[in-house]
Amino acid sequence: MNLEGRVAIVTGGSRGIGRGISLALAKAGADIVICFRHDEGAARNTVAEIEAMGGRALSFQADVTDYDKVKEVVDKTFEAFGKIDILVNNAGIASRGKHIIDTDVDEVHRVMNVHVFGAFHFVQSVLPSMRKQKRGDIHFISSMGAVHCLPGHGPYAMAKAALEVMAKVLAKEELANNIRVNVIALGLVETEMGSRLVKATTGEDIKAIYSRMPFGRVCQPADVGNLCAFLCSDEGSYISGHVIYLDGGAWTLM
């Protein structure tokens, strides 16, 4: 896979899944812009890792729910690299583990604002330039929770389902502009957030789950990054409008 000469924005790209995506795209040759909200140290570390590989990377702090801040990130990306070829909407937050009847409406707004409106802000900001260059890749990170609707995670499942619909509409609307749009829907991924979720729901360490997974392990951030790099590459150029499940067969085979 060769992404040399391509410029990618990865939201939530400093830690966990986003870090895995940033590193994989950089390894394939893309220049990386990491959008992060809180952890400046993690962003600096990921940029340093990319630079140590011989790549180019920048990080910008922004709240994706703030359209003006999103525009600033996009404008700074153009100033630094002159174009944007790839957008990966990865930024997200978990909901607070309550059933819908007990969920405050502010919690729904909080989760939807980050997942849905954050992605919407970035899509609207990068689309004009992608249309002009008649090429682009926009990919969304979703969850099997949008399909299997785990109790206690209603706002999160609702937000991810909305992302998937947005992606499918966008894929149809931008087909004539040679802009590909896909969704990667994840099962359990071994990250700090994933480990906390497992501990909270099962009381177990995430590694205890390995033996119950079809491949004897759970998904790693690098697995997500490698799939994302493929979808952005020429090898993945005939794929658009799809939700691709990356769960090691867990939901199908178990």
C-alpha atoms as a PDB file:
ATOM      1  CA  MET A   1       0.000   0.000   0.000  1.00  0.00           C
ATOM      2  CA  ASN A   2       1.423   3.338  -1.050  1.00  0.00           C
ATOM      3  CA  LEU A   3      -0.009   6.610   0.248  1.00  0.00           C
ATOM      4  CA  GLU A   4       2.999   8.773  -0.579  1.00  0.00           C
ATOM      5  CA  GLY A   5       2.017  12.331  -1.415  1.00  0.00           C
ATOM      6  CA  ARG A   6      -1.319  11.999   0.366  1.00  0.00           C
ATOM      7  CA  VAL A   7      -2.360  14.154   3.329  1.00  0.00           C
ATOM      8  CA  ALA A   8      -4.596  12.719   6.058  1.00  0.00           C
ATOM      9  CA  ILE A   9      -6.479  14.229   8.988  1.00  0.00           C
ATOM     10  CA  VAL A  10      -7.210  11.753  11.783  1.00  0.00           C
ATOM     11  CA  THR A  11      -9.558  12.966  14.504  1.00  0.00           C
ATOM     12  CA  GLY A  12      -8.819  11.564  17.935  1.00  0.00           C
ATOM     13  CA  GLY A  13      -5.563  10.497  16.327  1.00  0.00           C
ATOM     14  CA  SER A  14      -3.189  10.662  19.278  1.00  0.00           C
ATOM     15  CA  ARG A  15      -4.175   7.639  21.358  1.00  0.00           C
ATOM     16  CA  GLY A  16      -5.686   4.187  21.092  1.00  0.00           C
ATOM     17  CA  ILE A  17      -7.442   3.422  17.831  1.00  0.00           C
ATOM     18  CA  GLY A  18      -6.654   6.849  16.392  1.00  0.00           C
ATOM     19  CA  ARG A  19      -2.956   6.395  17.094  1.00  0.00           C
ATOM     20  CA  GLY A  20      -3.037   3.031  15.315  1.00  0.00           C
ATOM     21  CA  ILE A  21      -4.644   4.683  12.295  1.00  0.00           C
ATOM     22  CA  SER A  22      -2.199   7.601  12.295  1.00  0.00           C
ATOM     23  CA  LEU A  23       0.812   5.277  12.436  1.00  0.00           C
ATOM     24  CA  ALA A  24      -0.492   2.946   9.720  1.00  0.00           C
ATOM     25  CA  LEU A  25      -1.260   5.784   7.307  1.00  0.00           C
ATOM     26  CA  ALA A  26       2.161   7.305   8.001  1.00  0.00           C
ATOM     27  CA  LYS A  27       3.871   3.948   7.468  1.00  0.00           C
ATOM     28  CA  ALA A  28       2.190   3.820   4.040  1.00  0.00           C
ATOM     29  CA  GLY A  29       3.668   7.239   3.252  1.00  0.00           C
ATOM     30  CA  ALA A  30       0.917   9.748   4.068  1.00  0.00           C
ATOM     31  CA  ASP A  31       1.514  13.064   5.824  1.00  0.00           C
ATOM     32  CA  ILE A  32      -0.539  13.090   9.021  1.00  0.00           C
ATOM     33  CA  VAL A  33      -2.470  15.784  10.864  1.00  0.00           C
ATOM     34  CA  ILE A  34      -3.659  14.642  14.275  1.00  0.00           C
ATOM     35  CA  CYS A  35      -6.642  16.404  15.806  1.00  0.00           C
ATOM     36  CA  PHE A  36      -6.808  15.873  19.561  1.00  0.00           C
ATOM     37  CA  ARG A  37      -8.852  17.380  22.362  1.00  0.00           C
ATOM     38  CA  HIS A  38      -7.074  16.852  25.689  1.00  0.00           C
ATOM     39  CA  ASP A  39      -3.857  14.846  25.741  1.00  0.00           C
ATOM     40  CA  GLU A  40      -1.177  17.047  24.218  1.00  0.00           C
ATOM     41  CA  GLY A  41       1.557  14.730  25.487  1.00  0.00           C
ATOM     42  CA  ALA A  42       0.093  11.746  23.638  1.00  0.00           C
ATOM     43  CA  ALA A  43      -0.231  13.841  20.485  1.00  0.00           C
ATOM     44  CA  ARG A  44       3.414  14.909  20.725  1.00  0.00           C
ATOM     45  CA  ASN A  45       4.487  11.295  21.234  1.00  0.00           C
ATOM     46  CA  THR A  46       2.558  10.067  18.202  1.00  0.00           C
ATOM     47  CA  VAL A  47       3.983  12.862  16.054  1.00  0.00           C
ATOM     48  CA  ALA A  48       7.465  11.905  17.276  1.00  0.00           C
ATOM     49  CA  GLU A  49       6.862   8.244  16.381  1.00  0.00           C
ATOM     50  CA  ILE A  50       5.848   9.233  12.863  1.00  0.00           C
ATOM     51  CA  GLU A  51       8.851  11.504  12.466  1.00  0.00           C
ATOM     52  CA  ALA A  52      11.129   8.704  13.700  1.00  0.00           C
ATOM     53  CA  MET A  53       9.752   6.592  10.831  1.00  0.00           C
ATOM     54  CA  GLY A  54      10.795   9.330   8.413  1.00  0.00           C
ATOM     55  CA  GLY A  55       7.278  10.717   8.019  1.00  0.00           C
ATOM     56  CA  ARG A  56       5.779  14.166   8.437  1.00  0.00           C
ATOM     57  CA  ALA A  57       3.134  14.903  11.050  1.00  0.00           C
ATOM     58  CA  LEU A  58       1.517  17.771  12.911  1.00  0.00           C
ATOM     59  CA  SER A  59      -0.990  17.884  15.747  1.00  0.00           C
ATOM     60  CA  PHE A  60      -3.651  20.486  16.482  1.00  0.00           C
ATOM     61  CA  GLN A  61      -5.855  20.737  19.540  1.00  0.00           C
ATOM     62  CA  ALA A  62      -9.550  21.231  18.838  1.00  0.00           C
ATOM     63  CA  ASP A  63     -12.988  20.382  20.158  1.00  0.00           C
ATOM     64  CA  VAL A  64     -14.690  18.685  17.205  1.00  0.00           C
ATOM     65  CA  THR A  65     -18.079  19.945  18.401  1.00  0.00           C
ATOM     66  CA  ASP A  66     -16.914  23.519  17.718  1.00  0.00           C
ATOM     67  CA  TYR A  67     -17.275  24.182  13.988  1.00  0.00           C
ATOM     68  CA  ASP A  68     -14.952  27.199  14.073  1.00  0.00           C
ATOM     69  CA  LYS A  69     -12.193  25.155  15.730  1.00  0.00           C
ATOM     70  CA  VAL A  70     -12.629  22.419  13.136  1.00  0.00           C
ATOM     71  CA  LYS A  71     -12.279  24.998  10.372  1.00  0.00           C
ATOM     72  CA  GLU A  72      -9.055  26.194  12.010  1.00  0.00           C
ATOM     73  CA  VAL A  73      -7.608  22.672  11.895  1.00  0.00           C
ATOM     74  CA  VAL A  74      -8.540  22.335   8.227  1.00  0.00           C
ATOM     75  CA  ASP A  75      -7.100  25.765   7.392  1.00  0.00           C
ATOM     76  CA  LYS A  76      -3.846  24.969   9.228  1.00  0.00           C
ATOM     77  CA  THR A  77      -3.612  21.685   7.329  1.00  0.00           C
ATOM     78  CA  PHE A  78      -3.853  23.541   4.029  1.00  0.00           C
ATOM     79  CA  GLU A  79      -1.212  26.008   5.206  1.00  0.00           C
ATOM     80  CA  ALA A  80       1.159  23.180   6.117  1.00  0.00           C
ATOM     81  CA  PHE A  81       0.563  20.664   3.336  1.00  0.00           C
ATOM     82  CA  GLY A  82      -1.485  22.403   0.644  1.00  0.00           C
ATOM     83  CA  LYS A  83      -4.279  19.844   0.386  1.00  0.00           C
ATOM     84  CA  ILE A  84      -6.318  17.182   2.171  1.00  0.00           C
ATOM     85  CA  ASP A  85      -6.773  13.743   0.612  1.00  0.00           C
ATOM     86  CA  ILE A  86      -7.967  11.640   3.534  1.00  0.00           C
ATOM     87  CA  LEU A  87     -10.280  12.275   6.474  1.00  0.00           C
ATOM     88  CA  VAL A  88     -10.711   9.645   9.179  1.00  0.00           C
ATOM     89  CA  ASN A  89     -13.502  10.507  11.618  1.00  0.00           C
ATOM     90  CA  ASN A  90     -12.396   8.567  14.660  1.00  0.00           C
ATOM     91  CA  ALA A  91     -13.011  10.957  17.586  1.00  0.00           C
ATOM     92  CA  GLY A  92     -15.537   9.590  20.014  1.00  0.00           C
ATOM     93  CA  ILE A  93     -16.568   9.196  23.635  1.00  0.00           C
ATOM     94  CA  ALA A  94     -18.383   6.486  25.565  1.00  0.00           C
ATOM     95  CA  SER A  95     -21.827   6.840  27.074  1.00  0.00           C
ATOM     96  CA  ARG A  96     -22.277   6.406  30.803  1.00  0.00           C
ATOM     97  CA  GLY A  97     -23.772   2.936  31.072  1.00  0.00           C
ATOM     98  CA  LYS A  98     -27.386   3.755  31.907  1.00  0.00           C
ATOM     99  CA  HIS A  99     -30.563   2.391  30.391  1.00  0.00           C
ATOM    100  CA  ILE A 100     -32.427   4.830  28.187  1.00  0.00           C
ATOM    101  CA  ILE A 101     -35.151   5.434  30.780  1.00  0.00           C
ATOM    102  CA  ASP A 102     -32.457   6.658  33.205  1.00  0.00           C
ATOM    103  CA  THR A 103     -30.406   8.632  30.668  1.00  0.00           C
ATOM    104  CA  ASP A 104     -30.500  12.402  30.892  1.00  0.00           C
ATOM    105  CA  VAL A 105     -31.118  14.165  27.588  1.00  0.00           C
ATOM    106  CA  ASP A 106     -27.924  16.165  28.105  1.00  0.00           C
ATOM    107  CA  GLU A 107     -25.987  12.891  27.985  1.00  0.00           C
ATOM    108  CA  VAL A 108     -27.527  12.083  24.601  1.00  0.00           C
ATOM    109  CA  HIS A 109     -26.556  15.517  23.320  1.00  0.00           C
ATOM    110  CA  ARG A 110     -23.018  15.112  24.695  1.00  0.00           C
ATOM    111  CA  VAL A 111     -22.414  11.827  22.883  1.00  0.00           C
ATOM    112  CA  MET A 112     -24.165  12.811  19.653  1.00  0.00           C
ATOM    113  CA  ASN A 113     -22.308  16.126  19.491  1.00  0.00           C
ATOM    114  CA  VAL A 114     -18.907  14.443  19.497  1.00  0.00           C
ATOM    115  CA  HIS A 115     -19.639  11.447  17.279  1.00  0.00           C
ATOM    116  CA  VAL A 116     -22.142  12.843  14.804  1.00  0.00           C
ATOM    117  CA  PHE A 117     -21.773  16.613  14.702  1.00  0.00           C
ATOM    118  CA  GLY A 118     -17.999  16.419  15.131  1.00  0.00           C
ATOM    119  CA  ALA A 119     -17.774  14.209  12.050  1.00  0.00           C
ATOM    120  CA  PHE A 120     -20.284  16.384  10.198  1.00  0.00           C
ATOM    121  CA  HIS A 121     -18.189  19.499  10.868  1.00  0.00           C
ATOM    122  CA  PHE A 122     -15.072  17.900   9.420  1.00  0.00           C
ATOM    123  CA  VAL A 123     -16.891  16.457   6.412  1.00  0.00           C
ATOM    124  CA  GLN A 124     -18.354  19.830   5.473  1.00  0.00           C
ATOM    125  CA  SER A 125     -14.968  21.498   5.945  1.00  0.00           C
ATOM    126  CA  VAL A 126     -12.935  19.150   3.722  1.00  0.00           C
ATOM    127  CA  LEU A 127     -15.469  18.334   0.994  1.00  0.00           C
ATOM    128  CA  PRO A 128     -15.051  21.485  -1.133  1.00  0.00           C
ATOM    129  CA  SER A 129     -11.343  20.849  -1.662  1.00  0.00           C
ATOM    130  CA  MET A 130     -11.852  17.131  -2.291  1.00  0.00           C
ATOM    131  CA  ARG A 131     -14.498  17.937  -4.874  1.00  0.00           C
ATOM    132  CA  LYS A 132     -12.166  20.407  -6.544  1.00  0.00           C
ATOM    133  CA  GLN A 133      -9.357  17.861  -6.821  1.00  0.00           C
ATOM    134  CA  LYS A 134     -11.825  15.124  -7.834  1.00  0.00           C
ATOM    135  CA  ARG A 135     -10.435  12.692  -5.305  1.00  0.00           C
ATOM    136  CA  GLY A 136     -10.808  11.947  -1.646  1.00  0.00           C
ATOM    137  CA  ASP A 137     -11.264   9.326   1.030  1.00  0.00           C
ATOM    138  CA  ILE A 138     -13.554   9.829   4.007  1.00  0.00           C
ATOM    139  CA  HIS A 139     -13.815   7.027   6.522  1.00  0.00           C
ATOM    140  CA  PHE A 140     -15.788   6.734   9.752  1.00  0.00           C
ATOM    141  CA  ILE A 141     -14.955   4.571  12.753  1.00  0.00           C
ATOM    142  CA  SER A 142     -18.102   2.936  14.090  1.00  0.00           C
ATOM    143  CA  SER A 143     -18.913   0.014  16.354  1.00  0.00           C
ATOM    144  CA  MET A 144     -20.698  -3.308  16.333  1.00  0.00           C
ATOM    145  CA  GLY A 145     -22.738  -1.659  19.080  1.00  0.00           C
ATOM    146  CA  ALA A 146     -24.683   0.129  16.348  1.00  0.00           C
ATOM    147  CA  VAL A 147     -25.932  -3.269  15.165  1.00  0.00           C
ATOM    148  CA  HIS A 148     -26.131  -5.277  18.366  1.00  0.00           C
ATOM    149  CA  CYS A 149     -27.408  -2.410  20.523  1.00  0.00           C
ATOM    150  CA  LEU A 150     -25.923  -3.330  23.881  1.00  0.00           C
ATOM    151  CA  PRO A 151     -28.193  -2.431  26.821  1.00  0.00           C
ATOM    152  CA  GLY A 152     -26.900   0.485  28.844  1.00  0.00           C
ATOM    153  CA  HIS A 153     -25.145   2.110  25.907  1.00  0.00           C
ATOM    154  CA  GLY A 154     -28.083   3.662  24.064  1.00  0.00           C
ATOM    155  CA  PRO A 155     -26.604   7.091  23.243  1.00  0.00           C
ATOM    156  CA  TYR A 156     -23.383   5.504  21.960  1.00  0.00           C
ATOM    157  CA  ALA A 157     -25.237   3.002  19.762  1.00  0.00           C
ATOM    158  CA  MET A 158     -27.537   5.742  18.461  1.00  0.00           C
ATOM    159  CA  ALA A 159     -24.571   7.944  17.571  1.00  0.00           C
ATOM    160  CA  LYS A 160     -22.714   5.182  15.748  1.00  0.00           C
ATOM    161  CA  ALA A 161     -25.845   4.201  13.819  1.00  0.00           C
ATOM    162  CA  ALA A 162     -26.261   7.830  12.743  1.00  0.00           C
ATOM    163  CA  LEU A 163     -22.630   7.904  11.561  1.00  0.00           C
ATOM    164  CA  GLU A 164     -23.219   4.848   9.392  1.00  0.00           C
ATOM    165  CA  VAL A 165     -26.249   6.432   7.737  1.00  0.00           C
ATOM    166  CA  MET A 166     -24.319   9.669   7.184  1.00  0.00           C
ATOM    167  CA  ALA A 167     -21.541   7.700   5.507  1.00  0.00           C
ATOM    168  CA  LYS A 168     -23.903   5.851   3.163  1.00  0.00           C
ATOM    169  CA  VAL A 169     -25.667   9.049   2.104  1.00  0.00           C
ATOM    170  CA  LEU A 170     -22.318  10.769   1.597  1.00  0.00           C
ATOM    171  CA  ALA A 171     -20.999   7.868  -0.483  1.00  0.00           C
ATOM    172  CA  LYS A 172     -23.941   8.226  -2.875  1.00  0.00           C
ATOM    173  CA  GLU A 173     -23.732  12.009  -3.017  1.00  0.00           C
ATOM    174  CA  GLU A 174     -19.985  12.130  -3.712  1.00  0.00           C
ATOM    175  CA  LEU A 175     -19.579   9.150  -6.039  1.00  0.00           C
ATOM    176  CA  ALA A 176     -19.436  11.398  -9.106  1.00  0.00           C
ATOM    177  CA  ASN A 177     -16.619  13.372  -7.459  1.00  0.00           C
ATOM    178  CA  ASN A 178     -14.461  10.257  -6.988  1.00  0.00           C
ATOM    179  CA  ILE A 179     -14.714  10.560  -3.214  1.00  0.00           C
ATOM    180  CA  ARG A 180     -14.884   7.203  -1.488  1.00  0.00           C
ATOM    181  CA  VAL A 181     -16.681   6.849   1.825  1.00  0.00           C
ATOM    182  CA  ASN A 182     -16.670   3.804   4.088  1.00  0.00           C
ATOM    183  CA  VAL A 183     -17.264   2.780   7.682  1.00  0.00           C
ATOM    184  CA  ILE A 184     -15.113   0.481   9.792  1.00  0.00           C
ATOM    185  CA  ALA A 185     -17.323  -1.020  12.503  1.00  0.00           C
ATOM    186  CA  LEU A 186     -15.300  -2.428  15.372  1.00  0.00           C
ATOM    187  CA  GLY A 187     -15.813  -5.072  17.972  1.00  0.00           C
ATOM    188  CA  LEU A 188     -13.712  -5.008  21.113  1.00  0.00           C
ATOM    189  CA  VAL A 189     -10.359  -3.257  20.618  1.00  0.00           C
ATOM    190  CA  GLU A 190      -7.528  -3.468  23.135  1.00  0.00           C
ATOM    191  CA  THR A 191      -7.179   0.160  24.160  1.00  0.00           C
ATOM    192  CA  GLU A 192      -7.387   1.998  27.458  1.00  0.00           C
ATOM    193  CA  MET A 193     -11.078   2.700  26.806  1.00  0.00           C
ATOM    194  CA  GLY A 194     -11.738  -0.892  25.738  1.00  0.00           C
ATOM    195  CA  SER A 195     -10.029  -2.244  28.838  1.00  0.00           C
ATOM    196  CA  ARG A 196     -12.113   0.021  31.092  1.00  0.00           C
ATOM    197  CA  LEU A 197     -15.305  -1.098  29.356  1.00  0.00           C
ATOM    198  CA  VAL A 198     -14.479  -4.784  29.832  1.00  0.00           C
ATOM    199  CA  LYS A 199     -13.600  -4.234  33.488  1.00  0.00           C
ATOM    200  CA  ALA A 200     -16.785  -2.260  34.127  1.00  0.00           C
ATOM    201  CA  THR A 201     -19.114  -4.733  32.415  1.00  0.00           C
ATOM    202  CA  THR A 202     -17.495  -8.094  33.278  1.00  0.00           C
ATOM    203  CA  GLY A 203     -15.093  -7.402  36.136  1.00  0.00           C
ATOM    204  CA  GLU A 204     -12.360  -9.106  34.105  1.00  0.00           C
ATOM    205  CA  ASP A 205      -9.060  -7.984  32.655  1.00  0.00           C
ATOM    206  CA  ILE A 206      -9.254  -7.626  28.884  1.00  0.00           C
ATOM    207  CA  LYS A 207      -6.692 -10.408  28.364  1.00  0.00           C
ATOM    208  CA  ALA A 208      -9.080 -12.817  30.076  1.00  0.00           C
ATOM    209  CA  ILE A 209     -11.394 -12.317  27.096  1.00  0.00           C
ATOM    210  CA  TYR A 210      -8.778 -13.648  24.641  1.00  0.00           C
ATOM    211  CA  SER A 211      -9.681 -17.316  25.103  1.00  0.00           C
ATOM    212  CA  ARG A 212     -13.301 -16.600  24.236  1.00  0.00           C
ATOM    213  CA  MET A 213     -12.493 -14.857  20.933  1.00  0.00           C
ATOM    214  CA  PRO A 214     -12.401 -16.843  17.648  1.00  0.00           C
ATOM    215  CA  PHE A 215      -8.752 -15.963  16.934  1.00  0.00           C
ATOM    216  CA  GLY A 216      -7.643 -16.134  20.543  1.00  0.00           C
ATOM    217  CA  ARG A 217      -7.087 -12.383  20.795  1.00  0.00           C
ATOM    218  CA  VAL A 218      -8.955  -9.102  20.504  1.00  0.00           C
ATOM    219  CA  CYS A 219      -8.487  -6.461  17.835  1.00  0.00           C
ATOM    220  CA  GLN A 220      -5.443  -4.204  18.126  1.00  0.00           C
ATOM    221  CA  PRO A 221      -5.286  -0.544  17.021  1.00  0.00           C
ATOM    222  CA  ALA A 222      -2.805  -1.605  14.322  1.00  0.00           C
ATOM    223  CA  ASP A 223      -5.462  -3.914  12.832  1.00  0.00           C
ATOM    224  CA  VAL A 224      -7.778  -0.937  12.443  1.00  0.00           C
ATOM    225  CA  GLY A 225      -4.985   1.181  10.984  1.00  0.00           C
ATOM    226  CA  ASN A 226      -4.019  -1.448   8.429  1.00  0.00           C
ATOM    227  CA  LEU A 227      -7.590  -1.768   7.168  1.00  0.00           C
ATOM    228  CA  CYS A 228      -7.957   1.998   6.996  1.00  0.00           C
ATOM    229  CA  ALA A 229      -4.701   2.307   5.024  1.00  0.00           C
ATOM    230  CA  PHE A 230      -5.945  -0.325   2.577  1.00  0.00           C
ATOM    231  CA  LEU A 231      -9.240   1.491   2.042  1.00  0.00           C
ATOM    232  CA  CYS A 232      -7.349   4.728   1.339  1.00  0.00           C
ATOM    233  CA  SER A 233      -4.939   3.077  -1.091  1.00  0.00           C
ATOM    234  CA  ASP A 234      -5.257   2.342  -4.789  1.00  0.00           C
ATOM    235  CA  GLU A 235      -5.719  -1.316  -3.846  1.00  0.00           C
ATOM    236  CA  GLY A 236      -8.965  -0.341  -2.115  1.00  0.00           C
ATOM    237  CA  SER A 237     -10.127   2.045  -4.814  1.00  0.00           C
ATOM    238  CA  TYR A 238     -13.226   0.035  -5.796  1.00  0.00           C
ATOM    239  CA  ILE A 239     -14.743   0.032  -2.317  1.00  0.00           C
ATOM    240  CA  SER A 240     -17.222   2.716  -1.278  1.00  0.00           C
ATOM    241  CA  GLY A 241     -20.478   2.948   0.623  1.00  0.00           C
ATOM    242  CA  HIS A 242     -19.810  -0.057   2.839  1.00  0.00           C
ATOM    243  CA  VAL A 243     -19.822  -0.834   6.531  1.00  0.00           C
ATOM    244  CA  ILE A 244     -16.911  -3.218   7.056  1.00  0.00           C
ATOM    245  CA  TYR A 245     -17.013  -5.271  10.241  1.00  0.00           C
ATOM    246  CA  LEU A 246     -13.659  -5.723  11.962  1.00  0.00           C
ATOM    247  CA  ASP A 247     -14.402  -7.972  14.903  1.00  0.00           C
ATOM    248  CA  GLY A 248     -12.431 -11.149  14.200  1.00  0.00           C
ATOM    249  CA  GLY A 249     -15.696 -12.932  13.462  1.00  0.00           C
ATOM    250  CA  ALA A 250     -16.757 -12.589  17.084  1.00  0.00           C
ATOM    251  CA  TRP A 251     -20.387 -11.642  16.473  1.00  0.00           C
ATOM    252  CA  THR A 252     -20.788 -14.109  13.595  1.00  0.00           C
ATOM    253  CA  LEU A 253     -18.882 -17.117  14.879  1.00  0.00           C
ATOM    254  CA  MET A 254     -19.657 -17.034  18.592  1.00  0.00           C
END
